[in-house]
Amino acid sequence: MGDQPHEDQPTVPAWAVPPAQPEPTAPLPGFPFAPPQQQPGAEPGPGASWPGADGGYGGGYSDPGAQYASYPAGYPTGPTPPRQNGARTAVAIISALAVIGTAVTAVIYSSGSNKHQTPVSFQNTDPLPTRSGAPLISASPEPSDQTSTQASPDSSDEFDSPTADAFDWDALNDSGTDPTPFTQDALLMHSFTDSQNITYTLEAAGEKKCVQSTMSKSVQNVLNEYGCKNAMTGSYVVDSSVDKVESNNDILVSVQIWPFPDAATADKAEKALAKASSKQFSIWCPDSGPGAAPCNSQNYYTAATWWSLQSEYRYVVEATAVYTNMTQDTSVAYKWEKTATAEAVKESGPQVYADDQD
């Protein structure tokens, strides 16, 4: 279990916004969209610094960075990331996203120390198919009209009733002893409520390959190096009818759960991901409804997002939140997204299964 997620609030640098691109082929489903606006703040450059939630961070970075192979031609390169302390086991980063090409691409960047760099490319995955068959939440059976009577125990029976053994939580630390099924019911909550009393409901889920081609090479390398093969993914949505959510659309929270051979490996993988020069994580959406919009619209390029990362036993959990109307209003988005992702990484993982066994 890690420390509280670290929080940053960068703005979109002017140099990271290329000329206007063609309109998306899949328009947003039936709600108005405010045109992207440049966020206020100084443009980062040599010697610049990023303001942060704790009052700001130190000096900026001026070293030129290497060109990433996944960049579109002509896209400017950010500076080389600084060395990071790797002391935490949970990270949360905010990003304002920049328009890049015609693929569904976002911008996210972070450091492990209390400093920032300029953005790099982040590309979305394809939408996650909605689960078919049984509903995600099964209705409780209706009570019977008839009252059943249980036979009185035989007073002559002197044997004690058997009791279930307490669940061994340490078993979750190793793949050889972990009894957790790799299913959505065992790893994902049907819903969760964050610290601001906002409830998010699971709309789609499924098992995917751990490493996705849309992840950055640095993220792919970490996941491959530490032996991650599969991922359990989930898409949560909160309805904008909730009074406390000050926006005209829903919030999507995309969750990925990555299993590793043991807890020590998961902890190393989480720290390596926190240090990765490019935080390009895949996001997952339902295939219909407002939650599908971030995976199908170029407006996502300039949206404000927040993500959190945390190790849980032999698993690493990552969560990304974005408004489905792709708002750039950071004064609104960050307030609600950061508590959503913090709760998502806390509630997701093998403890879902373990809690049912106690």
Protein backbone atom coordinates (compact mmCIF):
# COMPACT_ATOMS: atom_id res chain seq x y z
CA MET A 1 0.00 0.00 0.00
CA GLY A 2 1.42 3.37 -0.89
CA ASP A 3 1.39 6.96 0.23
CA GLN A 4 -1.25 9.46 -0.78
CA PRO A 5 -1.10 10.31 -4.51
CA HIS A 6 1.06 13.26 -5.50
CA GLU A 7 -0.85 16.11 -7.15
CA ASP A 8 0.24 18.49 -9.91
CA GLN A 9 -1.60 21.09 -12.02
CA PRO A 10 0.20 21.99 -15.29
CA THR A 11 -1.28 24.05 -18.09
CA VAL A 12 -1.08 23.46 -21.83
CA PRO A 13 2.03 25.15 -23.31
CA ALA A 14 1.42 27.14 -26.47
CA TRP A 15 4.15 25.29 -28.37
CA ALA A 16 2.34 21.98 -27.81
CA VAL A 17 -0.77 23.05 -29.75
CA PRO A 18 -0.30 22.30 -33.50
CA PRO A 19 -2.50 23.79 -36.22
CA ALA A 20 -6.16 22.81 -36.25
CA GLN A 21 -6.88 19.23 -37.33
CA PRO A 22 -9.83 17.77 -39.31
CA GLU A 23 -13.09 17.30 -37.45
CA PRO A 24 -13.51 13.85 -35.82
CA THR A 25 -15.41 11.24 -37.78
CA ALA A 26 -17.31 10.15 -34.67
CA PRO A 27 -19.01 13.24 -33.17
CA LEU A 28 -19.92 13.48 -29.52
CA PRO A 29 -23.31 11.91 -28.76
CA GLY A 30 -25.88 14.62 -28.41
CA PHE A 31 -24.50 17.21 -26.04
CA PRO A 32 -23.05 20.69 -26.57
CA PHE A 33 -19.31 21.15 -26.46
CA ALA A 34 -17.47 24.32 -25.59
CA PRO A 35 -14.58 25.08 -27.98
CA PRO A 36 -11.11 24.43 -26.54
CA GLN A 37 -9.50 27.40 -24.86
CA GLN A 38 -5.88 27.94 -23.97
CA GLN A 39 -5.39 27.69 -20.21
CA PRO A 40 -3.83 30.73 -18.49
CA GLY A 41 -0.26 30.55 -17.23
CA ALA A 42 3.28 31.02 -18.41
CA GLU A 43 4.49 28.97 -21.31
CA PRO A 44 7.10 26.42 -20.26
CA GLY A 45 10.49 26.66 -21.84
CA PRO A 46 14.12 26.66 -20.83
CA GLY A 47 14.29 27.55 -17.16
CA ALA A 48 10.50 27.56 -16.75
CA SER A 49 8.63 26.00 -13.84
CA TRP A 50 5.15 24.54 -13.38
CA PRO A 51 2.76 25.76 -10.67
CA GLY A 52 1.47 22.98 -8.43
CA ALA A 53 -1.24 22.21 -5.93
CA ASP A 54 1.17 22.73 -3.04
CA GLY A 55 2.05 26.25 -4.11
CA GLY A 56 4.45 25.59 -6.95
CA TYR A 57 7.57 23.67 -7.77
CA GLY A 58 11.19 24.62 -8.26
CA GLY A 59 13.27 25.44 -11.30
CA GLY A 60 12.41 24.12 -14.74
CA TYR A 61 14.33 22.00 -17.17
CA SER A 62 16.26 23.15 -20.20
CA ASP A 63 17.96 19.99 -21.48
CA PRO A 64 16.63 18.90 -24.90
CA GLY A 65 14.90 15.50 -24.92
CA ALA A 66 15.27 12.64 -27.35
CA GLN A 67 12.66 12.29 -30.09
CA TYR A 68 10.03 9.66 -29.26
CA ALA A 69 9.34 7.23 -32.10
CA SER A 70 5.59 7.48 -31.55
CA TYR A 71 5.44 11.23 -32.17
CA PRO A 72 3.76 12.49 -35.32
CA ALA A 73 6.16 14.18 -37.73
CA GLY A 74 7.05 17.70 -36.67
CA TYR A 75 5.65 17.40 -33.13
CA PRO A 76 7.97 19.24 -30.72
CA THR A 77 9.96 17.20 -28.25
CA GLY A 78 9.91 17.86 -24.51
CA PRO A 79 13.01 18.07 -22.34
CA THR A 80 14.71 15.08 -20.79
CA PRO A 81 12.99 14.06 -17.53
CA PRO A 82 14.97 14.76 -14.34
CA ARG A 83 16.09 12.02 -12.00
CA GLN A 84 13.37 11.06 -9.58
CA ASN A 85 13.42 9.87 -5.99
CA GLY A 86 11.10 6.86 -6.44
CA ALA A 87 10.15 7.14 -2.77
CA ARG A 88 6.42 6.86 -3.19
CA THR A 89 4.21 3.93 -4.13
CA ALA A 90 1.30 6.04 -5.34
CA VAL A 91 1.27 8.84 -7.91
CA ALA A 92 -1.45 11.17 -9.18
CA ILE A 93 -0.86 13.58 -12.04
CA ILE A 94 -3.06 16.13 -13.78
CA SER A 95 -2.62 16.97 -17.42
CA ALA A 96 -4.07 19.45 -19.83
CA LEU A 97 -4.05 17.76 -23.21
CA ALA A 98 -2.75 19.08 -26.54
CA VAL A 99 -4.03 18.36 -30.07
CA ILE A 100 -1.77 15.89 -31.88
CA GLY A 101 -2.53 14.45 -35.34
CA THR A 102 -5.76 12.65 -36.19
CA ALA A 103 -5.48 9.64 -33.87
CA VAL A 104 -7.08 9.77 -30.43
CA THR A 105 -4.12 11.20 -28.55
CA ALA A 106 -3.78 12.95 -25.19
CA VAL A 107 -0.93 14.54 -23.27
CA ILE A 108 0.28 13.45 -19.86
CA TYR A 109 3.64 13.94 -18.15
CA SER A 110 4.98 13.74 -14.62
CA SER A 111 8.02 13.34 -12.42
CA GLY A 112 8.68 11.44 -9.24
CA SER A 113 10.02 14.50 -7.46
CA ASN A 114 8.03 17.68 -6.90
CA LYS A 115 8.84 18.98 -10.37
CA HIS A 116 7.32 18.94 -13.84
CA GLN A 117 8.34 18.61 -17.43
CA THR A 118 6.70 19.48 -20.70
CA PRO A 119 4.12 17.10 -22.25
CA VAL A 120 4.65 14.01 -24.34
CA SER A 121 2.26 11.94 -26.45
CA PHE A 122 -0.44 9.73 -24.89
CA GLN A 123 -2.70 7.71 -27.17
CA ASN A 124 -6.01 6.08 -26.25
CA THR A 125 -6.95 2.47 -26.90
CA ASP A 126 -10.02 1.24 -28.73
CA PRO A 127 -13.28 1.33 -26.77
CA LEU A 128 -13.92 -1.53 -24.36
CA PRO A 129 -16.91 -3.68 -25.40
CA THR A 130 -19.82 -3.59 -23.01
CA ARG A 131 -20.25 -6.78 -21.05
CA SER A 132 -22.91 -9.05 -22.50
CA GLY A 133 -25.06 -11.61 -20.77
CA ALA A 134 -25.81 -11.20 -17.09
CA PRO A 135 -26.08 -7.63 -15.78
CA LEU A 136 -23.17 -6.16 -13.86
CA ILE A 137 -25.29 -5.92 -10.72
CA SER A 138 -27.69 -8.77 -10.01
CA ALA A 139 -30.93 -7.93 -8.30
CA SER A 140 -31.48 -9.40 -4.86
CA PRO A 141 -34.14 -12.15 -4.77
CA GLU A 142 -37.60 -11.08 -3.68
CA PRO A 143 -38.61 -12.29 -0.21
CA SER A 144 -40.97 -15.24 -0.20
CA ASP A 145 -44.61 -14.74 0.76
CA GLN A 146 -44.43 -17.84 2.91
CA THR A 147 -42.53 -18.00 6.15
CA SER A 148 -40.30 -21.01 6.61
CA THR A 149 -39.67 -22.53 10.01
CA GLN A 150 -36.26 -23.91 10.88
CA ALA A 151 -36.13 -27.06 12.98
CA SER A 152 -34.92 -26.57 16.52
CA PRO A 153 -31.41 -27.89 17.12
CA ASP A 154 -31.14 -31.18 18.92
CA SER A 155 -30.14 -30.37 22.48
CA SER A 156 -28.42 -33.72 22.71
CA ASP A 157 -25.95 -32.72 19.96
CA GLU A 158 -22.84 -31.67 21.83
CA PHE A 159 -20.68 -31.00 18.77
CA ASP A 160 -19.68 -27.39 18.01
CA SER A 161 -20.76 -25.88 14.68
CA PRO A 162 -17.90 -25.59 12.18
CA THR A 163 -16.48 -22.10 11.59
CA ALA A 164 -14.74 -20.81 8.49
CA ASP A 165 -11.04 -20.02 8.73
CA ALA A 166 -10.09 -16.35 8.57
CA PHE A 167 -8.90 -15.22 5.14
CA ASP A 168 -5.12 -15.15 4.77
CA TRP A 169 -4.42 -11.69 3.38
CA ASP A 170 -0.71 -12.47 3.06
CA ALA A 171 -1.66 -14.98 0.37
CA LEU A 172 -2.35 -12.04 -1.96
CA ASN A 173 1.36 -11.21 -2.05
CA ASP A 174 2.40 -14.14 -4.26
CA SER A 175 0.93 -15.69 -7.41
CA GLY A 176 1.60 -19.16 -5.98
CA THR A 177 -0.73 -18.58 -3.03
CA ASP A 178 -3.12 -15.89 -4.30
CA PRO A 179 -6.63 -17.42 -4.59
CA THR A 180 -8.13 -14.38 -6.35
CA PRO A 181 -9.90 -15.30 -9.63
CA PHE A 182 -8.86 -13.05 -12.51
CA THR A 183 -12.40 -11.82 -13.14
CA GLN A 184 -14.16 -8.48 -13.01
CA ASP A 185 -16.28 -9.60 -10.05
CA ALA A 186 -13.15 -10.44 -8.04
CA LEU A 187 -11.13 -7.34 -8.93
CA LEU A 188 -13.61 -4.52 -9.67
CA MET A 189 -16.27 -2.99 -7.47
CA HIS A 190 -19.71 -2.66 -9.05
CA SER A 191 -19.61 0.93 -7.78
CA PHE A 192 -17.58 3.12 -5.44
CA THR A 193 -18.12 6.43 -3.67
CA ASP A 194 -15.28 8.93 -3.37
CA SER A 195 -14.41 11.31 -0.54
CA GLN A 196 -16.75 13.96 -2.00
CA ASN A 197 -19.68 11.52 -1.81
CA ILE A 198 -19.86 11.03 -5.59
CA THR A 199 -20.79 7.50 -6.69
CA TYR A 200 -19.30 5.93 -9.82
CA THR A 201 -20.89 2.86 -11.44
CA LEU A 202 -19.17 0.17 -13.52
CA GLU A 203 -20.45 0.40 -17.11
CA ALA A 204 -18.05 -1.98 -18.90
CA ALA A 205 -15.24 -4.35 -17.96
CA GLY A 206 -13.10 -7.14 -19.36
CA GLU A 207 -9.73 -8.86 -19.50
CA LYS A 208 -7.18 -7.42 -21.95
CA LYS A 209 -3.51 -7.85 -22.72
CA CYS A 210 -1.33 -6.05 -20.20
CA VAL A 211 0.83 -4.32 -22.80
CA GLN A 212 -0.97 -2.22 -25.42
CA SER A 213 0.61 -0.76 -28.55
CA THR A 214 -0.91 2.62 -27.67
CA MET A 215 1.14 2.82 -24.48
CA SER A 216 4.46 4.65 -24.59
CA LYS A 217 7.57 2.54 -25.10
CA SER A 218 8.74 3.37 -21.59
CA VAL A 219 5.51 2.03 -20.07
CA GLN A 220 5.58 -1.04 -22.33
CA ASN A 221 9.16 -1.74 -21.32
CA VAL A 222 8.34 -1.61 -17.61
CA LEU A 223 5.34 -3.92 -17.93
CA ASN A 224 7.31 -6.38 -20.07
CA GLU A 225 10.37 -6.26 -17.83
CA TYR A 226 8.38 -7.21 -14.75
CA GLY A 227 6.40 -9.99 -16.40
CA CYS A 228 2.92 -8.47 -16.75
CA LYS A 229 0.81 -10.53 -19.17
CA ASN A 230 -2.85 -9.61 -18.67
CA ALA A 231 -4.92 -6.68 -17.41
CA MET A 232 -8.39 -6.40 -15.95
CA THR A 233 -9.98 -3.19 -17.22
CA GLY A 234 -13.07 -1.32 -16.10
CA SER A 235 -14.96 1.81 -17.12
CA TYR A 236 -16.89 3.77 -14.49
CA VAL A 237 -19.24 6.70 -15.16
CA VAL A 238 -20.91 9.23 -12.86
CA ASP A 239 -24.05 10.97 -14.06
CA SER A 240 -24.03 14.77 -14.21
CA SER A 241 -27.41 14.86 -12.49
CA VAL A 242 -25.47 14.54 -9.23
CA ASP A 243 -25.75 18.07 -7.86
CA LYS A 244 -22.18 18.26 -6.59
CA VAL A 245 -20.60 17.64 -9.99
CA GLU A 246 -20.34 21.13 -11.46
CA SER A 247 -20.32 20.30 -15.16
CA ASN A 248 -22.80 19.58 -17.92
CA ASN A 249 -21.66 16.02 -18.54
CA ASP A 250 -20.49 12.80 -16.91
CA ILE A 251 -17.05 11.80 -15.66
CA LEU A 252 -15.36 8.67 -17.02
CA VAL A 253 -12.95 6.79 -14.74
CA SER A 254 -10.88 4.19 -16.61
CA VAL A 255 -9.22 1.53 -14.42
CA GLN A 256 -6.47 -0.98 -15.26
CA ILE A 257 -5.32 -3.72 -12.86
CA TRP A 258 -1.98 -5.39 -13.65
CA PRO A 259 -0.94 -8.59 -11.80
CA PHE A 260 2.72 -9.43 -11.15
CA PRO A 261 4.42 -12.55 -9.78
CA ASP A 262 4.70 -11.18 -6.24
CA ALA A 263 4.31 -8.06 -4.12
CA ALA A 264 7.99 -7.13 -4.35
CA THR A 265 7.81 -7.19 -8.15
CA ALA A 266 4.60 -5.13 -8.14
CA ASP A 267 6.23 -2.54 -5.91
CA LYS A 268 9.26 -2.31 -8.22
CA ALA A 269 7.01 -2.06 -11.28
CA GLU A 270 4.96 0.74 -9.69
CA LYS A 271 8.09 2.71 -8.86
CA ALA A 272 9.46 2.15 -12.39
CA LEU A 273 6.19 3.36 -13.92
CA ALA A 274 6.33 6.44 -11.70
CA LYS A 275 9.82 7.14 -13.04
CA ALA A 276 8.98 6.39 -16.70
CA SER A 277 9.95 9.24 -19.00
CA SER A 278 6.56 9.08 -20.74
CA LYS A 279 3.34 8.26 -18.87
CA GLN A 280 1.31 6.99 -21.83
CA PHE A 281 -1.30 4.68 -20.29
CA SER A 282 -4.18 3.24 -22.30
CA ILE A 283 -7.69 4.27 -21.29
CA TRP A 284 -10.84 2.19 -21.72
CA CYS A 285 -14.39 3.36 -22.52
CA PRO A 286 -17.81 1.73 -22.89
CA ASP A 287 -18.75 1.27 -26.54
CA SER A 288 -21.86 3.45 -26.23
CA GLY A 289 -23.30 6.25 -24.16
CA PRO A 290 -21.54 9.38 -22.87
CA GLY A 291 -18.67 7.30 -21.45
CA ALA A 292 -17.64 6.33 -24.98
CA ALA A 293 -16.91 9.92 -26.04
CA PRO A 294 -13.30 10.25 -24.78
CA CYS A 295 -12.22 7.27 -26.91
CA ASN A 296 -13.94 8.60 -30.03
CA SER A 297 -13.40 12.36 -30.24
CA GLN A 298 -10.53 14.67 -31.07
CA ASN A 299 -11.83 16.98 -28.35
CA TYR A 300 -10.15 14.64 -25.87
CA TYR A 301 -6.81 16.03 -27.05
CA THR A 302 -7.29 19.23 -25.07
CA ALA A 303 -9.21 17.83 -22.10
CA ALA A 304 -8.00 18.11 -18.52
CA THR A 305 -7.37 14.70 -16.95
CA TRP A 306 -6.08 13.32 -13.68
CA TRP A 307 -4.57 9.89 -13.10
CA SER A 308 -3.49 7.85 -10.07
CA LEU A 309 -1.20 4.83 -9.72
CA GLN A 310 -0.77 2.53 -6.72
CA SER A 311 0.54 -0.95 -5.82
CA GLU A 312 -1.83 -3.33 -4.00
CA TYR A 313 -0.28 -6.64 -2.84
CA ARG A 314 1.01 -8.30 -6.07
CA TYR A 315 -1.01 -5.93 -8.28
CA VAL A 316 -0.58 -2.41 -9.64
CA VAL A 317 -3.76 -0.38 -10.17
CA GLU A 318 -3.94 2.65 -12.51
CA ALA A 319 -6.94 4.97 -12.91
CA THR A 320 -7.53 7.93 -15.25
CA ALA A 321 -10.47 10.37 -14.98
CA VAL A 322 -11.78 12.73 -17.66
CA TYR A 323 -15.06 14.59 -18.18
CA THR A 324 -16.96 13.05 -21.08
CA ASN A 325 -17.54 16.51 -22.54
CA MET A 326 -13.73 16.88 -22.54
CA THR A 327 -13.83 20.13 -20.60
CA GLN A 328 -10.65 22.18 -20.24
CA ASP A 329 -11.95 23.96 -17.15
CA THR A 330 -9.33 22.84 -14.65
CA SER A 331 -11.01 24.71 -11.80
CA VAL A 332 -13.85 22.20 -12.13
CA ALA A 333 -12.22 19.07 -13.53
CA TYR A 334 -9.30 18.65 -11.17
CA LYS A 335 -11.45 19.03 -8.06
CA TRP A 336 -13.62 16.03 -8.94
CA GLU A 337 -11.23 13.91 -11.02
CA LYS A 338 -8.52 13.64 -8.37
CA THR A 339 -10.83 12.23 -5.69
CA ALA A 340 -12.37 9.85 -8.25
CA THR A 341 -9.03 8.32 -9.28
CA ALA A 342 -7.74 8.21 -5.69
CA GLU A 343 -10.77 6.18 -4.63
CA ALA A 344 -10.67 4.01 -7.76
CA VAL A 345 -7.13 2.76 -7.10
CA LYS A 346 -7.99 2.25 -3.42
CA GLU A 347 -11.14 0.22 -4.08
CA SER A 348 -9.93 -1.85 -7.07
CA GLY A 349 -7.80 -4.97 -6.80
CA PRO A 350 -7.75 -8.32 -4.98
CA GLN A 351 -9.25 -6.88 -1.80
CA VAL A 352 -12.62 -6.93 -3.62
CA TYR A 353 -12.45 -10.73 -3.56
CA ALA A 354 -10.79 -10.95 -0.14
CA ASP A 355 -13.43 -8.80 1.54
CA ASP A 356 -16.08 -11.29 0.44
CA GLN A 357 -14.17 -14.15 2.08
CA ASP A 358 -13.92 -12.66 5.58
